[in-house]
Amino acid sequence: MPRRFSSCSLRGVNSAFRDTLKCMHTAFIGMGGNLASWDGSAEATLAAAALRLESLGRVTCRSSLYSTEPVGFAEQPRFVNAVVALETELEPRALLKGLMALEQEFGRDRSAGIANGPRTLDLDILFFDDLKISEPDLEIPHPRLAERAFVLVPLCEIAPQAFDPRQGKTVSQLLQLLETRATPLSHAVVQLQSDVWRSGRDAGGSA
């Protein structure tokens, strides 16, 4: 069965405290960067950003950290990527606004960079519950998720059965399809051993 994420059903709940309950959502957030920020290297930036995501909800799971080949603009350093699961009360647009604010906090200016170019921090909503949203500045699931090994590999690590309602396939199935079409992923996506990232996982956000 496809995995469903929202935990806001109130059926059978006593009306006396129903209004005190919050509708909780699960969002999967793709993280990436290949430039240093005020916090240090790209690796240190992602570790710090994962902690700052706690201001938007609760990080319940983190993938490993990966070194990945650039996509779309080759003349730049390799990226560092990861995916986290975030339990949040925020609705999609409010979450997007919070993610953009965190990017700016770490020195990212989306209006100034080149498409697919270097950046200190990238935070993308990959899934939000089982919603499908198509608006000019908000696409859920992420529209290029199925084409990106640097997203699918860490996402499959923590949520292989998560279901893409647009593609009609699980994350595991999408990764298998990509592996049959693309060149071998062994160099494109390489797992990193990172003490700074591991310390955050061990603090409560581990897979």
N, C-alpha and C. Protein backbone atom coordinates (compact mmCIF):
# COMPACT_ATOMS: atom_id res chain seq x y z
N MET A 1 0.84 -1.20 0.00
CA MET A 1 0.00 0.00 0.00
C MET A 1 0.88 1.25 0.00
N PRO A 2 0.50 2.29 -0.77
CA PRO A 2 1.26 3.53 -0.74
C PRO A 2 1.28 4.12 0.66
N ARG A 3 2.39 4.69 1.04
CA ARG A 3 2.50 5.30 2.36
C ARG A 3 1.79 6.64 2.37
N ARG A 4 0.92 6.85 3.38
CA ARG A 4 0.27 8.13 3.55
C ARG A 4 0.83 8.77 4.80
N PHE A 5 1.00 10.09 4.76
CA PHE A 5 1.82 10.74 5.79
C PHE A 5 1.03 11.56 6.79
N SER A 6 -0.08 12.16 6.39
CA SER A 6 -0.77 13.08 7.29
C SER A 6 -1.33 12.35 8.50
N SER A 7 -1.29 12.99 9.64
CA SER A 7 -1.82 12.39 10.87
C SER A 7 -2.83 13.33 11.50
N CYS A 8 -3.76 13.85 10.66
CA CYS A 8 -4.67 14.86 11.19
C CYS A 8 -6.11 14.38 11.26
N SER A 9 -6.37 13.07 11.14
CA SER A 9 -7.74 12.58 11.25
C SER A 9 -8.21 12.74 12.69
N LEU A 10 -9.41 13.35 12.86
CA LEU A 10 -9.93 13.61 14.19
C LEU A 10 -11.18 12.79 14.48
N ARG A 11 -11.51 11.83 13.64
CA ARG A 11 -12.68 11.01 13.87
C ARG A 11 -12.59 10.28 15.20
N GLY A 12 -13.64 10.35 15.99
CA GLY A 12 -13.67 9.65 17.26
C GLY A 12 -13.01 10.42 18.40
N VAL A 13 -12.50 11.61 18.10
CA VAL A 13 -11.85 12.40 19.15
C VAL A 13 -12.90 13.20 19.91
N ASN A 14 -12.79 13.23 21.24
CA ASN A 14 -13.72 13.97 22.07
C ASN A 14 -13.73 15.44 21.69
N SER A 15 -14.90 16.00 21.44
CA SER A 15 -14.99 17.38 20.96
C SER A 15 -14.49 18.38 21.99
N ALA A 16 -14.40 18.00 23.26
CA ALA A 16 -13.96 18.93 24.29
C ALA A 16 -12.54 19.39 24.08
N PHE A 17 -11.70 18.53 23.48
CA PHE A 17 -10.32 18.98 23.25
C PHE A 17 -9.93 18.86 21.80
N ARG A 18 -10.89 18.62 20.91
CA ARG A 18 -10.58 18.51 19.49
C ARG A 18 -9.89 19.75 18.96
N ASP A 19 -10.35 20.91 19.43
CA ASP A 19 -9.80 22.17 18.92
C ASP A 19 -8.36 22.39 19.36
N THR A 20 -7.89 21.66 20.37
CA THR A 20 -6.52 21.84 20.83
C THR A 20 -5.54 21.01 20.01
N LEU A 21 -6.05 20.08 19.19
CA LEU A 21 -5.17 19.22 18.41
C LEU A 21 -4.71 19.92 17.15
N LYS A 22 -3.51 19.64 16.73
CA LYS A 22 -2.95 20.22 15.52
C LYS A 22 -2.91 19.16 14.43
N CYS A 23 -3.12 19.59 13.21
CA CYS A 23 -2.99 18.70 12.07
C CYS A 23 -1.51 18.61 11.71
N MET A 24 -0.93 17.43 11.88
CA MET A 24 0.49 17.25 11.61
C MET A 24 0.68 16.66 10.22
N HIS A 25 1.66 17.16 9.52
CA HIS A 25 1.98 16.71 8.17
C HIS A 25 3.41 16.16 8.15
N THR A 26 3.68 15.31 7.18
CA THR A 26 5.04 14.86 6.95
C THR A 26 5.50 15.36 5.59
N ALA A 27 6.59 16.10 5.60
CA ALA A 27 7.21 16.58 4.36
C ALA A 27 8.61 15.98 4.26
N PHE A 28 8.99 15.62 3.04
CA PHE A 28 10.36 15.20 2.79
C PHE A 28 11.08 16.36 2.10
N ILE A 29 12.19 16.77 2.69
CA ILE A 29 12.93 17.95 2.24
C ILE A 29 14.26 17.52 1.64
N GLY A 30 14.50 17.90 0.39
CA GLY A 30 15.80 17.69 -0.23
C GLY A 30 16.74 18.82 0.14
N MET A 31 17.96 18.48 0.53
CA MET A 31 18.96 19.46 0.94
C MET A 31 20.18 19.33 0.05
N GLY A 32 20.79 20.46 -0.30
CA GLY A 32 21.99 20.41 -1.11
C GLY A 32 22.76 21.72 -1.06
N GLY A 33 24.02 21.64 -1.46
CA GLY A 33 24.86 22.83 -1.54
C GLY A 33 26.26 22.44 -1.96
N ASN A 34 26.98 23.41 -2.54
CA ASN A 34 28.38 23.14 -2.91
C ASN A 34 29.30 24.34 -2.68
N LEU A 35 28.81 25.34 -1.95
CA LEU A 35 29.63 26.48 -1.57
C LEU A 35 29.64 26.63 -0.06
N ALA A 36 30.72 27.16 0.47
CA ALA A 36 30.79 27.42 1.90
C ALA A 36 29.84 28.55 2.28
N SER A 37 29.31 28.47 3.49
CA SER A 37 28.47 29.53 4.05
C SER A 37 29.17 30.09 5.28
N TRP A 38 28.48 30.96 6.00
CA TRP A 38 29.04 31.48 7.24
C TRP A 38 29.34 30.36 8.23
N ASP A 39 28.67 29.19 8.06
CA ASP A 39 28.86 28.10 9.00
C ASP A 39 30.02 27.19 8.63
N GLY A 40 30.61 27.42 7.45
CA GLY A 40 31.75 26.59 7.04
C GLY A 40 31.49 25.91 5.71
N SER A 41 32.04 24.72 5.54
CA SER A 41 31.95 23.98 4.30
C SER A 41 30.51 23.60 3.97
N ALA A 42 30.30 23.08 2.75
CA ALA A 42 28.96 22.63 2.37
C ALA A 42 28.46 21.56 3.33
N GLU A 43 29.34 20.67 3.73
CA GLU A 43 28.97 19.62 4.68
C GLU A 43 28.52 20.21 6.01
N ALA A 44 29.28 21.19 6.53
CA ALA A 44 28.91 21.84 7.78
C ALA A 44 27.63 22.65 7.63
N THR A 45 27.43 23.25 6.46
CA THR A 45 26.22 24.03 6.21
C THR A 45 24.98 23.15 6.26
N LEU A 46 25.03 21.98 5.61
CA LEU A 46 23.88 21.08 5.64
C LEU A 46 23.59 20.60 7.06
N ALA A 47 24.64 20.32 7.82
CA ALA A 47 24.45 19.88 9.20
C ALA A 47 23.78 20.98 10.03
N ALA A 48 24.24 22.22 9.86
CA ALA A 48 23.64 23.34 10.59
C ALA A 48 22.21 23.60 10.12
N ALA A 49 21.97 23.49 8.81
CA ALA A 49 20.63 23.73 8.28
C ALA A 49 19.65 22.68 8.77
N ALA A 50 20.10 21.44 8.90
CA ALA A 50 19.22 20.38 9.42
C ALA A 50 18.76 20.71 10.84
N LEU A 51 19.65 21.28 11.64
CA LEU A 51 19.27 21.71 12.98
C LEU A 51 18.29 22.87 12.92
N ARG A 52 18.51 23.80 12.00
CA ARG A 52 17.62 24.96 11.89
C ARG A 52 16.23 24.58 11.37
N LEU A 53 16.13 23.44 10.68
CA LEU A 53 14.81 22.97 10.24
C LEU A 53 13.89 22.69 11.42
N GLU A 54 14.47 22.48 12.59
CA GLU A 54 13.65 22.25 13.78
C GLU A 54 12.78 23.47 14.11
N SER A 55 13.11 24.64 13.55
CA SER A 55 12.27 25.82 13.76
C SER A 55 10.97 25.73 12.95
N LEU A 56 10.90 24.79 12.01
CA LEU A 56 9.72 24.63 11.16
C LEU A 56 8.93 23.37 11.50
N GLY A 57 9.44 22.57 12.41
CA GLY A 57 8.79 21.32 12.77
C GLY A 57 9.76 20.43 13.52
N ARG A 58 9.62 19.12 13.32
CA ARG A 58 10.51 18.17 13.99
C ARG A 58 11.12 17.24 12.94
N VAL A 59 12.44 17.23 12.86
CA VAL A 59 13.12 16.33 11.94
C VAL A 59 13.07 14.93 12.55
N THR A 60 12.36 14.02 11.88
CA THR A 60 12.17 12.67 12.42
C THR A 60 13.14 11.66 11.82
N CYS A 61 13.76 12.01 10.70
CA CYS A 61 14.65 11.06 10.04
C CYS A 61 15.58 11.82 9.10
N ARG A 62 16.84 11.36 9.05
CA ARG A 62 17.81 11.92 8.12
C ARG A 62 18.44 10.81 7.30
N SER A 63 18.66 11.07 6.03
CA SER A 63 19.46 10.15 5.23
C SER A 63 20.92 10.34 5.58
N SER A 64 21.76 9.51 4.98
CA SER A 64 23.19 9.78 5.00
C SER A 64 23.48 11.01 4.15
N LEU A 65 24.71 11.47 4.22
CA LEU A 65 25.18 12.58 3.40
C LEU A 65 25.85 12.00 2.16
N TYR A 66 25.65 12.65 1.00
CA TYR A 66 26.18 12.15 -0.26
C TYR A 66 26.93 13.25 -1.01
N SER A 67 28.03 12.85 -1.65
CA SER A 67 28.72 13.71 -2.61
C SER A 67 28.17 13.37 -3.99
N THR A 68 27.72 14.40 -4.74
CA THR A 68 27.02 14.14 -5.99
C THR A 68 27.54 15.03 -7.13
N GLU A 69 27.47 14.49 -8.34
CA GLU A 69 27.86 15.25 -9.52
C GLU A 69 26.88 16.38 -9.79
N PRO A 70 27.36 17.54 -10.24
CA PRO A 70 26.45 18.62 -10.65
C PRO A 70 25.57 18.18 -11.82
N VAL A 71 24.37 18.71 -11.87
CA VAL A 71 23.43 18.42 -12.94
C VAL A 71 23.05 19.73 -13.62
N GLY A 72 23.19 19.79 -14.95
CA GLY A 72 22.75 20.96 -15.69
C GLY A 72 23.80 22.01 -15.91
N PHE A 73 24.81 22.08 -15.04
CA PHE A 73 25.91 23.03 -15.16
C PHE A 73 27.13 22.35 -14.58
N ALA A 74 27.96 21.79 -15.46
CA ALA A 74 29.02 20.88 -15.02
C ALA A 74 30.22 21.58 -14.40
N GLU A 75 30.49 22.83 -14.79
CA GLU A 75 31.72 23.51 -14.36
C GLU A 75 31.55 24.13 -12.97
N GLN A 76 31.43 23.27 -11.99
CA GLN A 76 31.30 23.72 -10.62
C GLN A 76 31.66 22.56 -9.70
N PRO A 77 31.89 22.83 -8.41
CA PRO A 77 32.26 21.74 -7.49
C PRO A 77 31.13 20.73 -7.34
N ARG A 78 31.48 19.53 -6.91
CA ARG A 78 30.47 18.53 -6.56
C ARG A 78 29.60 19.05 -5.42
N PHE A 79 28.39 18.56 -5.38
CA PHE A 79 27.45 18.95 -4.34
C PHE A 79 27.50 17.98 -3.17
N VAL A 80 26.98 18.45 -2.05
CA VAL A 80 26.68 17.60 -0.91
C VAL A 80 25.16 17.59 -0.76
N ASN A 81 24.58 16.39 -0.70
CA ASN A 81 23.12 16.27 -0.67
C ASN A 81 22.66 15.33 0.44
N ALA A 82 21.43 15.54 0.86
CA ALA A 82 20.77 14.67 1.83
C ALA A 82 19.26 14.90 1.73
N VAL A 83 18.50 14.05 2.40
CA VAL A 83 17.05 14.21 2.50
C VAL A 83 16.67 14.01 3.96
N VAL A 84 15.75 14.83 4.44
CA VAL A 84 15.23 14.66 5.80
C VAL A 84 13.71 14.57 5.74
N ALA A 85 13.16 13.87 6.73
CA ALA A 85 11.71 13.85 6.94
C ALA A 85 11.38 14.85 8.03
N LEU A 86 10.40 15.71 7.76
CA LEU A 86 10.04 16.78 8.69
C LEU A 86 8.56 16.67 9.04
N GLU A 87 8.28 16.50 10.32
CA GLU A 87 6.90 16.54 10.81
C GLU A 87 6.58 17.99 11.15
N THR A 88 5.52 18.53 10.57
CA THR A 88 5.26 19.97 10.70
C THR A 88 3.77 20.27 10.76
N GLU A 89 3.44 21.35 11.45
CA GLU A 89 2.07 21.85 11.47
C GLU A 89 1.82 22.81 10.31
N LEU A 90 2.88 23.24 9.63
CA LEU A 90 2.76 24.23 8.58
C LEU A 90 2.09 23.65 7.34
N GLU A 91 1.34 24.48 6.63
CA GLU A 91 0.80 24.11 5.33
C GLU A 91 1.89 24.32 4.27
N PRO A 92 1.70 23.76 3.07
CA PRO A 92 2.79 23.78 2.09
C PRO A 92 3.38 25.15 1.80
N ARG A 93 2.54 26.15 1.59
CA ARG A 93 3.10 27.46 1.22
C ARG A 93 3.84 28.10 2.39
N ALA A 94 3.33 27.91 3.60
CA ALA A 94 4.04 28.43 4.77
C ALA A 94 5.37 27.71 4.96
N LEU A 95 5.39 26.41 4.69
CA LEU A 95 6.65 25.67 4.79
C LEU A 95 7.64 26.16 3.74
N LEU A 96 7.17 26.37 2.51
CA LEU A 96 8.05 26.90 1.46
C LEU A 96 8.65 28.24 1.87
N LYS A 97 7.84 29.10 2.43
CA LYS A 97 8.33 30.41 2.88
C LYS A 97 9.40 30.24 3.94
N GLY A 98 9.18 29.31 4.87
CA GLY A 98 10.18 29.07 5.91
C GLY A 98 11.49 28.52 5.35
N LEU A 99 11.39 27.64 4.36
CA LEU A 99 12.59 27.08 3.74
C LEU A 99 13.38 28.15 2.99
N MET A 100 12.67 29.04 2.30
CA MET A 100 13.36 30.12 1.59
C MET A 100 14.06 31.05 2.57
N ALA A 101 13.44 31.28 3.72
CA ALA A 101 14.08 32.13 4.73
C ALA A 101 15.35 31.47 5.26
N LEU A 102 15.32 30.15 5.45
CA LEU A 102 16.53 29.45 5.90
C LEU A 102 17.63 29.50 4.85
N GLU A 103 17.27 29.35 3.58
CA GLU A 103 18.27 29.50 2.52
C GLU A 103 18.95 30.86 2.60
N GLN A 104 18.16 31.91 2.75
CA GLN A 104 18.73 33.25 2.84
C GLN A 104 19.62 33.39 4.07
N GLU A 105 19.21 32.76 5.16
CA GLU A 105 20.00 32.81 6.39
C GLU A 105 21.41 32.26 6.17
N PHE A 106 21.52 31.27 5.27
CA PHE A 106 22.82 30.67 4.98
C PHE A 106 23.47 31.25 3.72
N GLY A 107 22.99 32.43 3.29
CA GLY A 107 23.65 33.16 2.22
C GLY A 107 23.17 32.88 0.82
N ARG A 108 22.06 32.17 0.66
CA ARG A 108 21.54 31.86 -0.68
C ARG A 108 20.63 32.99 -1.15
N ASP A 109 20.87 33.46 -2.38
CA ASP A 109 20.00 34.46 -3.00
C ASP A 109 19.54 33.88 -4.34
N ARG A 110 18.32 33.36 -4.37
CA ARG A 110 17.83 32.69 -5.57
C ARG A 110 17.73 33.65 -6.76
N SER A 111 17.54 34.93 -6.51
CA SER A 111 17.38 35.89 -7.60
C SER A 111 18.70 36.22 -8.28
N ALA A 112 19.82 35.93 -7.61
CA ALA A 112 21.12 36.35 -8.13
C ALA A 112 21.91 35.23 -8.80
N GLY A 113 21.61 33.98 -8.49
CA GLY A 113 22.40 32.87 -9.02
C GLY A 113 21.98 32.48 -10.42
N ILE A 114 22.79 31.62 -11.06
CA ILE A 114 22.45 31.08 -12.37
C ILE A 114 21.73 29.76 -12.18
N ALA A 115 20.92 29.38 -13.16
CA ALA A 115 20.14 28.15 -13.06
C ALA A 115 21.07 26.96 -12.90
N ASN A 116 20.78 26.13 -11.90
CA ASN A 116 21.56 24.92 -11.61
C ASN A 116 23.01 25.21 -11.23
N GLY A 117 23.28 26.47 -10.87
CA GLY A 117 24.64 26.86 -10.55
C GLY A 117 24.99 26.65 -9.09
N PRO A 118 26.19 27.09 -8.71
CA PRO A 118 26.64 26.91 -7.32
C PRO A 118 25.74 27.64 -6.34
N ARG A 119 25.63 27.06 -5.14
CA ARG A 119 24.82 27.71 -4.10
C ARG A 119 25.26 27.20 -2.73
N THR A 120 25.01 28.02 -1.72
CA THR A 120 25.35 27.61 -0.36
C THR A 120 24.35 26.59 0.17
N LEU A 121 23.07 26.76 -0.17
CA LEU A 121 22.05 25.88 0.39
C LEU A 121 20.82 25.86 -0.50
N ASP A 122 20.34 24.65 -0.74
CA ASP A 122 19.11 24.43 -1.50
C ASP A 122 18.19 23.58 -0.64
N LEU A 123 16.97 24.04 -0.42
CA LEU A 123 15.98 23.30 0.36
C LEU A 123 14.71 23.17 -0.47
N ASP A 124 14.38 21.96 -0.86
CA ASP A 124 13.23 21.71 -1.74
C ASP A 124 12.24 20.77 -1.07
N ILE A 125 10.94 21.08 -1.22
CA ILE A 125 9.90 20.15 -0.78
C ILE A 125 9.77 19.06 -1.85
N LEU A 126 10.07 17.83 -1.48
CA LEU A 126 9.95 16.70 -2.40
C LEU A 126 8.55 16.11 -2.36
N PHE A 127 8.08 15.79 -1.17
CA PHE A 127 6.71 15.31 -0.93
C PHE A 127 6.13 16.08 0.25
N PHE A 128 4.82 16.23 0.23
CA PHE A 128 4.11 16.79 1.38
C PHE A 128 2.84 15.96 1.54
N ASP A 129 2.83 15.08 2.56
CA ASP A 129 1.77 14.08 2.67
C ASP A 129 1.63 13.39 1.31
N ASP A 130 0.40 13.26 0.84
CA ASP A 130 0.20 12.69 -0.50
C ASP A 130 -0.40 13.73 -1.46
N LEU A 131 -0.09 15.00 -1.20
CA LEU A 131 -0.66 16.09 -1.97
C LEU A 131 -0.04 16.20 -3.36
N LYS A 132 -0.86 16.68 -4.30
CA LYS A 132 -0.38 17.12 -5.60
C LYS A 132 -0.76 18.59 -5.74
N ILE A 133 0.25 19.43 -5.92
CA ILE A 133 0.04 20.88 -6.05
C ILE A 133 0.79 21.34 -7.29
N SER A 134 0.13 22.12 -8.13
CA SER A 134 0.77 22.68 -9.32
C SER A 134 0.42 24.15 -9.42
N GLU A 135 1.31 24.98 -8.91
CA GLU A 135 1.15 26.43 -8.93
C GLU A 135 2.44 27.03 -9.47
N PRO A 136 2.41 28.29 -9.92
CA PRO A 136 3.59 28.87 -10.57
C PRO A 136 4.88 28.75 -9.77
N ASP A 137 4.83 28.86 -8.45
CA ASP A 137 6.04 28.82 -7.65
C ASP A 137 6.02 27.69 -6.61
N LEU A 138 5.13 26.72 -6.81
CA LEU A 138 5.03 25.61 -5.87
C LEU A 138 4.54 24.36 -6.58
N GLU A 139 5.45 23.40 -6.73
CA GLU A 139 5.12 22.13 -7.38
C GLU A 139 5.42 21.00 -6.40
N ILE A 140 4.40 20.24 -6.04
CA ILE A 140 4.54 19.10 -5.15
C ILE A 140 3.77 17.93 -5.75
N PRO A 141 4.41 16.76 -5.88
CA PRO A 141 5.82 16.44 -5.62
C PRO A 141 6.76 17.27 -6.50
N HIS A 142 8.02 17.29 -6.11
CA HIS A 142 8.99 18.05 -6.88
C HIS A 142 8.97 17.57 -8.33
N PRO A 143 8.87 18.48 -9.30
CA PRO A 143 8.64 18.06 -10.70
C PRO A 143 9.77 17.27 -11.34
N ARG A 144 10.99 17.38 -10.82
CA ARG A 144 12.12 16.66 -11.43
C ARG A 144 12.68 15.57 -10.52
N LEU A 145 11.90 15.22 -9.52
CA LEU A 145 12.34 14.22 -8.56
C LEU A 145 12.75 12.91 -9.24
N ALA A 146 11.93 12.44 -10.18
CA ALA A 146 12.17 11.13 -10.80
C ALA A 146 13.41 11.10 -11.68
N GLU A 147 13.97 12.28 -12.01
CA GLU A 147 15.13 12.35 -12.90
C GLU A 147 16.44 12.53 -12.14
N ARG A 148 16.38 12.66 -10.84
CA ARG A 148 17.54 13.11 -10.08
C ARG A 148 18.02 12.04 -9.10
N ALA A 149 19.14 11.43 -9.46
CA ALA A 149 19.71 10.42 -8.57
C ALA A 149 20.11 11.02 -7.23
N PHE A 150 20.57 12.28 -7.24
CA PHE A 150 21.02 12.90 -5.98
C PHE A 150 19.87 13.13 -5.02
N VAL A 151 18.64 13.05 -5.51
CA VAL A 151 17.46 13.09 -4.65
C VAL A 151 16.97 11.68 -4.32
N LEU A 152 16.85 10.85 -5.35
CA LEU A 152 16.25 9.53 -5.15
C LEU A 152 17.09 8.62 -4.26
N VAL A 153 18.42 8.68 -4.37
CA VAL A 153 19.25 7.78 -3.57
C VAL A 153 19.08 8.06 -2.07
N PRO A 154 19.26 9.31 -1.60
CA PRO A 154 19.04 9.54 -0.16
C PRO A 154 17.58 9.38 0.26
N LEU A 155 16.64 9.72 -0.62
CA LEU A 155 15.23 9.56 -0.29
C LEU A 155 14.87 8.08 -0.15
N CYS A 156 15.42 7.26 -1.03
CA CYS A 156 15.16 5.82 -0.97
C CYS A 156 15.77 5.21 0.29
N GLU A 157 16.84 5.80 0.78
CA GLU A 157 17.47 5.30 2.00
C GLU A 157 16.52 5.37 3.19
N ILE A 158 15.74 6.45 3.28
CA ILE A 158 14.89 6.64 4.47
C ILE A 158 13.41 6.38 4.20
N ALA A 159 12.97 6.39 2.93
CA ALA A 159 11.54 6.22 2.64
C ALA A 159 11.34 5.51 1.31
N PRO A 160 11.81 4.26 1.17
CA PRO A 160 11.71 3.58 -0.12
C PRO A 160 10.28 3.36 -0.59
N GLN A 161 9.33 3.28 0.35
CA GLN A 161 7.95 3.02 -0.02
C GLN A 161 7.11 4.30 -0.12
N ALA A 162 7.73 5.44 0.06
CA ALA A 162 7.00 6.69 -0.17
C ALA A 162 6.50 6.71 -1.61
N PHE A 163 5.29 7.21 -1.80
CA PHE A 163 4.60 7.08 -3.09
C PHE A 163 4.49 8.43 -3.78
N ASP A 164 4.92 8.45 -5.04
CA ASP A 164 4.80 9.66 -5.87
C ASP A 164 3.45 9.61 -6.59
N PRO A 165 2.50 10.45 -6.20
CA PRO A 165 1.17 10.37 -6.81
C PRO A 165 1.13 10.80 -8.27
N ARG A 166 2.13 11.54 -8.72
CA ARG A 166 2.16 11.92 -10.13
C ARG A 166 2.69 10.79 -11.00
N GLN A 167 3.74 10.15 -10.54
CA GLN A 167 4.35 9.07 -11.30
C GLN A 167 3.63 7.74 -11.10
N GLY A 168 2.88 7.63 -10.01
CA GLY A 168 2.21 6.37 -9.71
C GLY A 168 3.16 5.27 -9.30
N LYS A 169 4.29 5.64 -8.69
CA LYS A 169 5.31 4.67 -8.31
C LYS A 169 5.92 5.06 -6.97
N THR A 170 6.49 4.06 -6.30
CA THR A 170 7.22 4.34 -5.07
C THR A 170 8.59 4.90 -5.40
N VAL A 171 9.23 5.44 -4.38
CA VAL A 171 10.58 5.97 -4.56
C VAL A 171 11.53 4.86 -4.99
N SER A 172 11.40 3.69 -4.39
CA SER A 172 12.24 2.56 -4.78
C SER A 172 12.08 2.21 -6.25
N GLN A 173 10.85 2.21 -6.73
CA GLN A 173 10.59 1.91 -8.14
C GLN A 173 11.16 2.99 -9.05
N LEU A 174 11.04 4.24 -8.64
CA LEU A 174 11.58 5.35 -9.44
C LEU A 174 13.10 5.23 -9.55
N LEU A 175 13.76 4.87 -8.46
CA LEU A 175 15.21 4.73 -8.48
C LEU A 175 15.62 3.57 -9.38
N GLN A 176 14.91 2.48 -9.32
CA GLN A 176 15.22 1.34 -10.18
C GLN A 176 15.08 1.72 -11.66
N LEU A 177 14.05 2.48 -11.98
CA LEU A 177 13.87 2.94 -13.37
C LEU A 177 15.00 3.85 -13.80
N LEU A 178 15.40 4.76 -12.92
CA LEU A 178 16.48 5.68 -13.26
C LEU A 178 17.78 4.92 -13.49
N GLU A 179 18.02 3.90 -12.69
CA GLU A 179 19.25 3.12 -12.83
C GLU A 179 19.31 2.38 -14.17
N THR A 180 18.15 2.03 -14.72
CA THR A 180 18.14 1.34 -16.03
C THR A 180 18.37 2.31 -17.18
N ARG A 181 18.07 3.61 -16.96
CA ARG A 181 18.19 4.59 -18.04
C ARG A 181 19.48 5.37 -18.00
N ALA A 182 20.01 5.59 -16.81
CA ALA A 182 21.16 6.49 -16.64
C ALA A 182 22.46 5.70 -16.62
N THR A 183 23.55 6.44 -16.73
CA THR A 183 24.87 5.83 -16.57
C THR A 183 25.02 5.35 -15.12
N PRO A 184 25.92 4.43 -14.84
CA PRO A 184 26.07 3.93 -13.47
C PRO A 184 26.19 5.05 -12.45
N LEU A 185 25.53 4.86 -11.31
CA LEU A 185 25.45 5.91 -10.31
C LEU A 185 26.59 5.87 -9.30
N SER A 186 27.50 4.91 -9.44
CA SER A 186 28.53 4.70 -8.42
C SER A 186 29.43 5.92 -8.23
N HIS A 187 29.66 6.69 -9.31
CA HIS A 187 30.47 7.91 -9.19
C HIS A 187 29.59 9.14 -9.02
N ALA A 188 28.38 9.11 -9.59
CA ALA A 188 27.51 10.28 -9.55
C ALA A 188 27.01 10.56 -8.14
N VAL A 189 26.78 9.52 -7.35
CA VAL A 189 26.25 9.67 -6.00
C VAL A 189 27.07 8.78 -5.07
N VAL A 190 27.88 9.41 -4.20
CA VAL A 190 28.80 8.67 -3.35
C VAL A 190 28.50 9.01 -1.89
N GLN A 191 28.24 8.00 -1.09
CA GLN A 191 27.95 8.24 0.32
C GLN A 191 29.19 8.75 1.04
N LEU A 192 28.98 9.75 1.89
CA LEU A 192 30.07 10.35 2.67
C LEU A 192 30.03 9.87 4.11
N GLN A 193 31.19 9.72 4.70
CA GLN A 193 31.30 9.48 6.13
C GLN A 193 31.60 10.82 6.80
N SER A 194 30.62 11.34 7.48
CA SER A 194 30.72 12.70 8.01
C SER A 194 30.43 12.72 9.50
N ASP A 195 31.43 13.08 10.29
CA ASP A 195 31.24 13.16 11.73
C ASP A 195 30.25 14.26 12.11
N VAL A 196 30.35 15.40 11.42
CA VAL A 196 29.48 16.52 11.77
C VAL A 196 28.03 16.19 11.45
N TRP A 197 27.78 15.49 10.37
CA TRP A 197 26.42 15.08 10.01
C TRP A 197 25.95 13.96 10.92
N ARG A 198 26.83 13.00 11.22
CA ARG A 198 26.46 11.86 12.06
C ARG A 198 26.08 12.31 13.47
N SER A 199 26.74 13.33 13.97
CA SER A 199 26.44 13.79 15.31
C SER A 199 25.01 14.29 15.40
N GLY A 200 24.51 14.92 14.33
CA GLY A 200 23.13 15.36 14.32
C GLY A 200 22.16 14.21 14.24
N ARG A 201 22.51 13.20 13.44
CA ARG A 201 21.65 12.01 13.35
C ARG A 201 21.56 11.30 14.69
N ASP A 202 22.70 11.17 15.36
CA ASP A 202 22.72 10.48 16.64
C ASP A 202 21.96 11.23 17.72
N ALA A 203 21.78 12.56 17.50
CA ALA A 203 21.07 13.36 18.49
C ALA A 203 19.57 13.18 18.42
N GLY A 204 19.08 12.41 17.42
CA GLY A 204 17.65 12.15 17.40
C GLY A 204 17.02 12.17 16.04
N GLY A 205 17.78 12.51 14.99
CA GLY A 205 17.20 12.56 13.66
C GLY A 205 17.71 11.45 12.77
N SER A 206 17.96 10.27 13.32
CA SER A 206 18.54 9.19 12.54
C SER A 206 17.48 8.39 11.83
N ALA A 207 17.94 7.64 10.80
CA ALA A 207 17.01 6.79 10.07
C ALA A 207 16.67 5.57 10.92
